[in-house]
């Protein structure tokens, strides 16, 4: 009984520390982004279909500073650096979808458990886009 209480307390402390570190990374990423030239910021946001206010809002949830889209693509067998993938992702605003996703914590947890590819269809708003990319790769 005491062992369960200690383990539960340690898990809660680890989660709090991880959340604090993540919040710090998000603040740093936001600060570094806005330190770029205004035209560069605007161009990047236009590429993913976001306004400055949407970007700032999207940087608040947990794991906002992590590139979960690239990790997700790799996990399901998509080359994120392939030209066709980059064009498809851009035209379908996959980055915007990922950045604004309310399930980023679940996505992150699945990535950490190395089982994203087995569960993404249940929660990922980009799952249909992943399937289209995978079909395109098989058709080629």
N, C-alpha and C. Protein backbone atom coordinates (compact mmCIF):
# COMPACT_ATOMS: atom_id res chain seq x y z
N UNK A 1 0.83 -1.19 0.00
CA UNK A 1 0.00 0.00 0.00
C UNK A 1 0.87 1.25 0.00
N UNK A 2 1.86 1.30 0.91
CA UNK A 2 2.76 2.45 0.97
C UNK A 2 3.58 2.56 -0.30
N UNK A 3 3.95 1.41 -0.86
CA UNK A 3 4.73 1.40 -2.09
C UNK A 3 3.93 2.03 -3.24
N UNK A 4 2.64 1.73 -3.32
CA UNK A 4 1.79 2.32 -4.36
C UNK A 4 1.69 3.83 -4.19
N UNK A 5 1.60 4.27 -2.93
CA UNK A 5 1.51 5.70 -2.65
C UNK A 5 2.80 6.40 -3.06
N UNK A 6 3.94 5.80 -2.75
CA UNK A 6 5.24 6.37 -3.12
C UNK A 6 5.38 6.41 -4.64
N UNK A 7 5.04 5.31 -5.30
CA UNK A 7 5.14 5.28 -6.77
C UNK A 7 4.21 6.30 -7.41
N UNK A 8 3.01 6.43 -6.88
CA UNK A 8 2.07 7.42 -7.40
C UNK A 8 2.58 8.83 -7.21
N UNK A 9 3.19 9.09 -6.07
CA UNK A 9 3.74 10.42 -5.79
C UNK A 9 4.91 10.71 -6.72
N UNK A 10 5.78 9.73 -6.92
CA UNK A 10 6.92 9.91 -7.83
C UNK A 10 6.45 10.16 -9.26
N UNK A 11 5.44 9.41 -9.69
CA UNK A 11 4.90 9.62 -11.04
C UNK A 11 4.32 11.02 -11.18
N UNK A 12 3.61 11.49 -10.17
CA UNK A 12 3.03 12.83 -10.21
C UNK A 12 4.13 13.89 -10.26
N UNK A 13 5.20 13.70 -9.50
CA UNK A 13 6.32 14.65 -9.51
C UNK A 13 7.01 14.66 -10.87
N UNK A 14 7.22 13.48 -11.44
CA UNK A 14 7.84 13.40 -12.78
C UNK A 14 6.98 14.10 -13.82
N UNK A 15 5.68 13.89 -13.75
CA UNK A 15 4.77 14.53 -14.70
C UNK A 15 4.80 16.04 -14.54
N UNK A 16 4.85 16.53 -13.31
CA UNK A 16 4.90 17.97 -13.06
C UNK A 16 6.20 18.57 -13.59
N UNK A 17 7.32 17.90 -13.38
CA UNK A 17 8.61 18.38 -13.88
C UNK A 17 8.61 18.38 -15.41
N UNK A 18 8.08 17.32 -16.03
CA UNK A 18 8.03 17.24 -17.49
C UNK A 18 7.16 18.36 -18.05
N UNK A 19 6.05 18.64 -17.39
CA UNK A 19 5.16 19.71 -17.85
C UNK A 19 5.83 21.08 -17.71
N UNK A 20 6.57 21.27 -16.63
CA UNK A 20 7.29 22.53 -16.42
C UNK A 20 8.37 22.71 -17.49
N UNK A 21 9.12 21.66 -17.80
CA UNK A 21 10.16 21.73 -18.84
C UNK A 21 9.54 22.00 -20.20
N UNK A 22 8.41 21.34 -20.46
CA UNK A 22 7.72 21.53 -21.73
C UNK A 22 7.24 22.97 -21.85
N UNK A 23 6.67 23.52 -20.81
CA UNK A 23 6.18 24.90 -20.83
C UNK A 23 7.35 25.86 -21.09
N UNK A 24 8.48 25.59 -20.51
CA UNK A 24 9.66 26.42 -20.73
C UNK A 24 10.12 26.34 -22.19
N UNK A 25 10.13 25.13 -22.77
CA UNK A 25 10.51 24.97 -24.18
C UNK A 25 9.54 25.71 -25.10
N UNK A 26 8.26 25.65 -24.78
CA UNK A 26 7.26 26.35 -25.60
C UNK A 26 7.45 27.86 -25.55
N UNK A 27 7.72 28.38 -24.37
CA UNK A 27 7.97 29.83 -24.25
C UNK A 27 9.21 30.22 -25.04
N UNK A 28 10.25 29.42 -24.96
CA UNK A 28 11.48 29.70 -25.69
C UNK A 28 11.24 29.64 -27.20
N UNK A 29 10.51 28.63 -27.65
CA UNK A 29 10.22 28.50 -29.09
C UNK A 29 9.41 29.69 -29.58
N UNK A 30 8.43 30.11 -28.80
CA UNK A 30 7.61 31.26 -29.20
C UNK A 30 8.45 32.52 -29.26
N UNK A 31 9.30 32.71 -28.27
CA UNK A 31 10.17 33.90 -28.22
C UNK A 31 11.15 33.90 -29.41
N UNK A 32 11.74 32.75 -29.71
CA UNK A 32 12.67 32.65 -30.84
C UNK A 32 11.96 32.88 -32.17
N UNK A 33 10.73 32.37 -32.28
CA UNK A 33 9.98 32.57 -33.51
C UNK A 33 9.72 34.05 -33.74
N UNK A 34 9.24 34.75 -32.73
CA UNK A 34 8.91 36.17 -32.89
C UNK A 34 10.14 37.05 -33.00
N UNK A 35 11.33 36.50 -32.69
CA UNK A 35 12.57 37.26 -32.85
C UNK A 35 13.04 37.27 -34.31
N UNK A 36 12.43 36.42 -35.15
CA UNK A 36 12.77 36.41 -36.57
C UNK A 36 12.25 37.69 -37.23
N UNK A 37 12.69 37.92 -38.45
CA UNK A 37 12.20 39.06 -39.22
C UNK A 37 10.68 38.94 -39.38
N UNK A 38 9.94 40.04 -39.28
CA UNK A 38 8.48 39.99 -39.40
C UNK A 38 7.99 39.31 -40.69
N UNK A 39 8.67 39.57 -41.82
CA UNK A 39 8.27 38.95 -43.07
C UNK A 39 8.44 37.43 -43.03
N UNK A 40 9.50 37.00 -42.35
CA UNK A 40 9.75 35.56 -42.24
C UNK A 40 8.66 34.89 -41.39
N UNK A 41 8.30 35.52 -40.28
CA UNK A 41 7.23 35.00 -39.43
C UNK A 41 5.93 34.90 -40.20
N UNK A 42 5.59 35.98 -40.90
CA UNK A 42 4.35 36.02 -41.66
C UNK A 42 4.35 34.95 -42.73
N UNK A 43 5.46 34.79 -43.43
CA UNK A 43 5.56 33.78 -44.47
C UNK A 43 5.38 32.37 -43.92
N UNK A 44 6.03 32.10 -42.81
CA UNK A 44 5.91 30.77 -42.21
C UNK A 44 4.48 30.49 -41.76
N UNK A 45 3.86 31.49 -41.15
CA UNK A 45 2.48 31.31 -40.70
C UNK A 45 1.53 31.16 -41.88
N UNK A 46 1.76 31.92 -42.93
CA UNK A 46 0.92 31.78 -44.13
C UNK A 46 1.05 30.39 -44.74
N UNK A 47 2.27 29.84 -44.71
CA UNK A 47 2.49 28.50 -45.26
C UNK A 47 1.67 27.43 -44.55
N UNK A 48 1.43 27.61 -43.27
CA UNK A 48 0.65 26.61 -42.53
C UNK A 48 -0.79 27.07 -42.28
N UNK A 49 -1.14 28.24 -42.80
CA UNK A 49 -2.53 28.71 -42.69
C UNK A 49 -2.93 29.17 -41.31
N UNK A 50 -2.00 29.85 -40.62
CA UNK A 50 -2.31 30.33 -39.26
C UNK A 50 -2.11 31.83 -39.16
N UNK A 51 -2.90 32.43 -38.29
CA UNK A 51 -2.70 33.84 -37.97
C UNK A 51 -1.73 33.91 -36.79
N UNK A 52 -1.14 35.08 -36.54
CA UNK A 52 -0.27 35.22 -35.37
C UNK A 52 -0.97 34.88 -34.06
N UNK A 53 -2.22 35.29 -33.91
CA UNK A 53 -2.97 34.98 -32.69
C UNK A 53 -3.20 33.48 -32.54
N UNK A 54 -3.50 32.80 -33.64
CA UNK A 54 -3.69 31.34 -33.59
C UNK A 54 -2.39 30.64 -33.20
N UNK A 55 -1.28 31.14 -33.73
CA UNK A 55 0.01 30.54 -33.39
C UNK A 55 0.29 30.70 -31.89
N UNK A 56 0.11 31.91 -31.37
CA UNK A 56 0.36 32.12 -29.94
C UNK A 56 -0.54 31.24 -29.08
N UNK A 57 -1.80 31.12 -29.48
CA UNK A 57 -2.74 30.28 -28.74
C UNK A 57 -2.33 28.81 -28.81
N UNK A 58 -1.87 28.38 -29.97
CA UNK A 58 -1.47 26.98 -30.16
C UNK A 58 -0.22 26.61 -29.37
N UNK A 59 0.56 27.59 -28.97
CA UNK A 59 1.80 27.31 -28.23
C UNK A 59 1.57 27.13 -26.73
N UNK A 60 0.34 27.15 -26.27
CA UNK A 60 0.05 26.99 -24.84
C UNK A 60 -0.18 25.56 -24.37
N UNK A 61 -0.85 24.71 -25.15
CA UNK A 61 -1.08 23.34 -24.66
C UNK A 61 0.22 22.56 -24.51
N UNK A 62 0.16 21.46 -23.75
CA UNK A 62 1.36 20.63 -23.58
C UNK A 62 1.91 20.13 -24.92
N UNK A 63 3.23 20.06 -24.99
CA UNK A 63 3.99 19.56 -26.13
C UNK A 63 3.80 20.39 -27.39
N UNK A 64 3.47 21.66 -27.22
CA UNK A 64 3.26 22.56 -28.36
C UNK A 64 4.56 22.80 -29.12
N UNK A 65 5.67 22.75 -28.44
CA UNK A 65 6.95 23.06 -29.11
C UNK A 65 7.55 21.85 -29.82
N UNK A 66 6.94 20.68 -29.67
CA UNK A 66 7.49 19.48 -30.30
C UNK A 66 6.91 19.28 -31.70
N UNK A 67 7.73 18.80 -32.60
CA UNK A 67 7.31 18.52 -33.96
C UNK A 67 6.72 17.11 -34.00
N UNK A 68 5.49 16.98 -33.56
CA UNK A 68 4.85 15.68 -33.52
C UNK A 68 4.46 15.19 -34.91
N UNK A 69 4.26 16.10 -35.85
CA UNK A 69 3.87 15.69 -37.20
C UNK A 69 4.98 14.86 -37.86
N UNK A 70 6.21 15.33 -37.78
CA UNK A 70 7.32 14.58 -38.37
C UNK A 70 7.46 13.21 -37.70
N UNK A 71 7.37 13.18 -36.38
CA UNK A 71 7.47 11.91 -35.66
C UNK A 71 6.33 10.97 -36.04
N UNK A 72 5.13 11.52 -36.19
CA UNK A 72 3.98 10.71 -36.58
C UNK A 72 4.18 10.13 -37.97
N UNK A 73 4.64 10.96 -38.90
CA UNK A 73 4.88 10.47 -40.25
C UNK A 73 5.89 9.34 -40.26
N UNK A 74 6.98 9.53 -39.57
CA UNK A 74 8.00 8.48 -39.50
C UNK A 74 7.43 7.21 -38.88
N UNK A 75 6.62 7.38 -37.86
CA UNK A 75 6.05 6.24 -37.16
C UNK A 75 5.16 5.37 -38.04
N UNK A 76 4.41 6.01 -38.96
CA UNK A 76 3.51 5.24 -39.81
C UNK A 76 4.15 4.86 -41.14
N UNK A 77 5.40 5.24 -41.36
CA UNK A 77 6.12 4.83 -42.56
C UNK A 77 6.11 5.83 -43.70
N UNK A 78 5.94 7.11 -43.39
CA UNK A 78 5.94 8.16 -44.41
C UNK A 78 7.24 8.94 -44.28
N UNK A 79 7.88 9.20 -45.40
CA UNK A 79 9.11 10.01 -45.40
C UNK A 79 8.71 11.48 -45.37
N UNK A 80 8.92 12.17 -44.24
CA UNK A 80 8.51 13.57 -44.13
C UNK A 80 9.33 14.52 -45.01
N UNK A 81 10.47 14.08 -45.50
CA UNK A 81 11.33 14.93 -46.33
C UNK A 81 11.12 14.72 -47.82
N UNK A 82 10.28 13.76 -48.19
CA UNK A 82 9.98 13.51 -49.59
C UNK A 82 9.24 14.71 -50.18
N UNK A 83 9.61 15.11 -51.38
CA UNK A 83 9.01 16.29 -52.01
C UNK A 83 7.49 16.18 -52.09
N UNK A 84 6.97 15.03 -52.54
CA UNK A 84 5.53 14.85 -52.66
C UNK A 84 4.85 14.95 -51.29
N UNK A 85 5.49 14.41 -50.28
CA UNK A 85 4.94 14.49 -48.92
C UNK A 85 4.88 15.95 -48.47
N UNK A 86 5.97 16.67 -48.69
CA UNK A 86 6.00 18.08 -48.29
C UNK A 86 4.92 18.89 -48.99
N UNK A 87 4.75 18.66 -50.29
CA UNK A 87 3.71 19.37 -51.05
C UNK A 87 2.31 19.01 -50.56
N UNK A 88 2.08 17.73 -50.33
CA UNK A 88 0.78 17.28 -49.86
C UNK A 88 0.48 17.87 -48.48
N UNK A 89 1.46 17.78 -47.58
CA UNK A 89 1.28 18.29 -46.22
C UNK A 89 0.97 19.79 -46.24
N UNK A 90 1.66 20.51 -47.11
CA UNK A 90 1.44 21.95 -47.20
C UNK A 90 0.04 22.26 -47.75
N UNK A 91 -0.35 21.58 -48.80
CA UNK A 91 -1.64 21.87 -49.42
C UNK A 91 -2.82 21.41 -48.56
N UNK A 92 -2.59 20.48 -47.66
CA UNK A 92 -3.65 20.00 -46.78
C UNK A 92 -3.53 20.57 -45.36
N UNK A 93 -2.65 21.54 -45.19
CA UNK A 93 -2.46 22.21 -43.90
C UNK A 93 -2.28 21.22 -42.74
N UNK A 94 -1.49 20.19 -43.00
CA UNK A 94 -1.26 19.17 -41.98
C UNK A 94 -0.55 19.74 -40.75
N UNK A 95 0.38 20.67 -40.95
CA UNK A 95 1.07 21.27 -39.81
C UNK A 95 0.10 22.04 -38.94
N UNK A 96 -0.77 22.82 -39.56
CA UNK A 96 -1.76 23.58 -38.81
C UNK A 96 -2.66 22.64 -38.02
N UNK A 97 -3.10 21.56 -38.66
CA UNK A 97 -3.96 20.58 -38.00
C UNK A 97 -3.25 19.99 -36.78
N UNK A 98 -1.99 19.66 -36.95
CA UNK A 98 -1.22 19.08 -35.85
C UNK A 98 -0.96 20.09 -34.73
N UNK A 99 -0.55 21.28 -35.11
CA UNK A 99 -0.23 22.30 -34.10
C UNK A 99 -1.44 22.67 -33.26
N UNK A 100 -2.62 22.69 -33.87
CA UNK A 100 -3.83 23.09 -33.14
C UNK A 100 -4.61 21.91 -32.56
N UNK A 101 -4.08 20.72 -32.68
CA UNK A 101 -4.77 19.51 -32.21
C UNK A 101 -4.94 19.51 -30.69
N UNK A 102 -6.15 19.25 -30.21
CA UNK A 102 -6.38 19.20 -28.77
C UNK A 102 -5.89 17.89 -28.14
N UNK A 103 -5.43 16.95 -28.96
CA UNK A 103 -4.99 15.66 -28.43
C UNK A 103 -3.47 15.48 -28.48
N UNK A 104 -2.74 16.57 -28.41
CA UNK A 104 -1.28 16.49 -28.50
C UNK A 104 -0.68 15.65 -27.38
N UNK A 105 -1.26 15.73 -26.18
CA UNK A 105 -0.74 14.93 -25.06
C UNK A 105 -0.89 13.44 -25.38
N UNK A 106 -2.05 13.04 -25.89
CA UNK A 106 -2.27 11.64 -26.24
C UNK A 106 -1.28 11.20 -27.32
N UNK A 107 -1.10 12.05 -28.32
CA UNK A 107 -0.15 11.77 -29.40
C UNK A 107 1.26 11.59 -28.82
N UNK A 108 1.67 12.53 -27.99
CA UNK A 108 2.99 12.46 -27.37
C UNK A 108 3.15 11.17 -26.57
N UNK A 109 2.13 10.83 -25.78
CA UNK A 109 2.20 9.62 -24.97
C UNK A 109 2.31 8.37 -25.84
N UNK A 110 1.59 8.34 -26.95
CA UNK A 110 1.67 7.20 -27.87
C UNK A 110 3.06 7.13 -28.51
N UNK A 111 3.62 8.27 -28.83
CA UNK A 111 4.98 8.30 -29.40
C UNK A 111 5.98 7.75 -28.38
N UNK A 112 5.83 8.19 -27.13
CA UNK A 112 6.75 7.74 -26.09
C UNK A 112 6.64 6.23 -25.86
N UNK A 113 5.43 5.69 -26.05
CA UNK A 113 5.22 4.26 -25.85
C UNK A 113 5.52 3.45 -27.12
N UNK A 114 5.95 4.14 -28.18
CA UNK A 114 6.26 3.51 -29.47
C UNK A 114 5.07 2.72 -30.04
N UNK A 115 3.85 3.24 -29.82
CA UNK A 115 2.69 2.56 -30.40
C UNK A 115 1.72 3.52 -31.09
N UNK A 116 2.25 4.64 -31.56
CA UNK A 116 1.42 5.61 -32.28
C UNK A 116 0.79 4.96 -33.51
N UNK A 117 1.61 4.24 -34.29
CA UNK A 117 1.12 3.68 -35.55
C UNK A 117 -0.05 2.72 -35.36
N UNK A 118 -0.18 2.12 -34.22
CA UNK A 118 -1.28 1.19 -33.96
C UNK A 118 -2.56 1.86 -33.49
N UNK A 119 -2.48 3.15 -33.14
CA UNK A 119 -3.64 3.81 -32.53
C UNK A 119 -4.03 5.14 -33.14
N UNK A 120 -3.23 5.66 -34.04
CA UNK A 120 -3.48 7.02 -34.53
C UNK A 120 -4.83 7.19 -35.20
N UNK A 121 -5.34 6.14 -35.81
CA UNK A 121 -6.64 6.24 -36.50
C UNK A 121 -7.76 6.56 -35.53
N UNK A 122 -7.56 6.27 -34.25
CA UNK A 122 -8.59 6.49 -33.22
C UNK A 122 -8.67 7.94 -32.75
N UNK A 123 -7.60 8.72 -32.95
CA UNK A 123 -7.61 10.06 -32.35
C UNK A 123 -6.97 11.16 -33.20
N UNK A 124 -6.17 10.82 -34.18
CA UNK A 124 -5.39 11.83 -34.91
C UNK A 124 -6.22 12.49 -36.01
N UNK A 125 -6.34 13.82 -35.98
CA UNK A 125 -7.10 14.51 -37.03
C UNK A 125 -6.41 14.46 -38.40
N UNK A 126 -5.14 14.06 -38.44
CA UNK A 126 -4.43 13.90 -39.71
C UNK A 126 -4.45 12.46 -40.21
N UNK A 127 -5.18 11.59 -39.56
CA UNK A 127 -5.13 10.17 -39.92
C UNK A 127 -5.55 9.93 -41.37
N UNK A 128 -6.57 10.63 -41.86
CA UNK A 128 -6.98 10.46 -43.26
C UNK A 128 -5.88 10.93 -44.21
N UNK A 129 -5.21 12.00 -43.84
CA UNK A 129 -4.09 12.49 -44.67
C UNK A 129 -2.95 11.48 -44.68
N UNK A 130 -2.66 10.85 -43.55
CA UNK A 130 -1.63 9.82 -43.51
C UNK A 130 -2.01 8.66 -44.44
N UNK A 131 -3.28 8.25 -44.38
CA UNK A 131 -3.72 7.16 -45.24
C UNK A 131 -3.59 7.52 -46.71
N UNK A 132 -3.94 8.75 -47.08
CA UNK A 132 -3.80 9.19 -48.47
C UNK A 132 -2.34 9.17 -48.90
N UNK A 133 -1.45 9.64 -48.03
CA UNK A 133 -0.02 9.63 -48.36
C UNK A 133 0.50 8.20 -48.51
N UNK A 134 0.06 7.33 -47.64
CA UNK A 134 0.49 5.94 -47.73
C UNK A 134 -0.02 5.29 -49.03
N UNK A 135 -1.26 5.60 -49.41
CA UNK A 135 -1.81 5.07 -50.66
C UNK A 135 -1.04 5.60 -51.86
N UNK A 136 -0.71 6.90 -51.83
CA UNK A 136 0.06 7.50 -52.93
C UNK A 136 1.40 6.81 -53.08
N UNK A 137 2.03 6.48 -51.96
CA UNK A 137 3.32 5.83 -52.00
C UNK A 137 3.19 4.42 -52.60
N UNK A 138 2.12 3.73 -52.26
CA UNK A 138 1.91 2.38 -52.79
C UNK A 138 1.55 2.41 -54.27
N UNK A 139 0.85 3.46 -54.72
CA UNK A 139 0.47 3.59 -56.12
C UNK A 139 1.65 3.94 -57.01
N UNK A 140 2.69 4.53 -56.43
CA UNK A 140 3.83 4.99 -57.23
C UNK A 140 4.71 3.85 -57.68
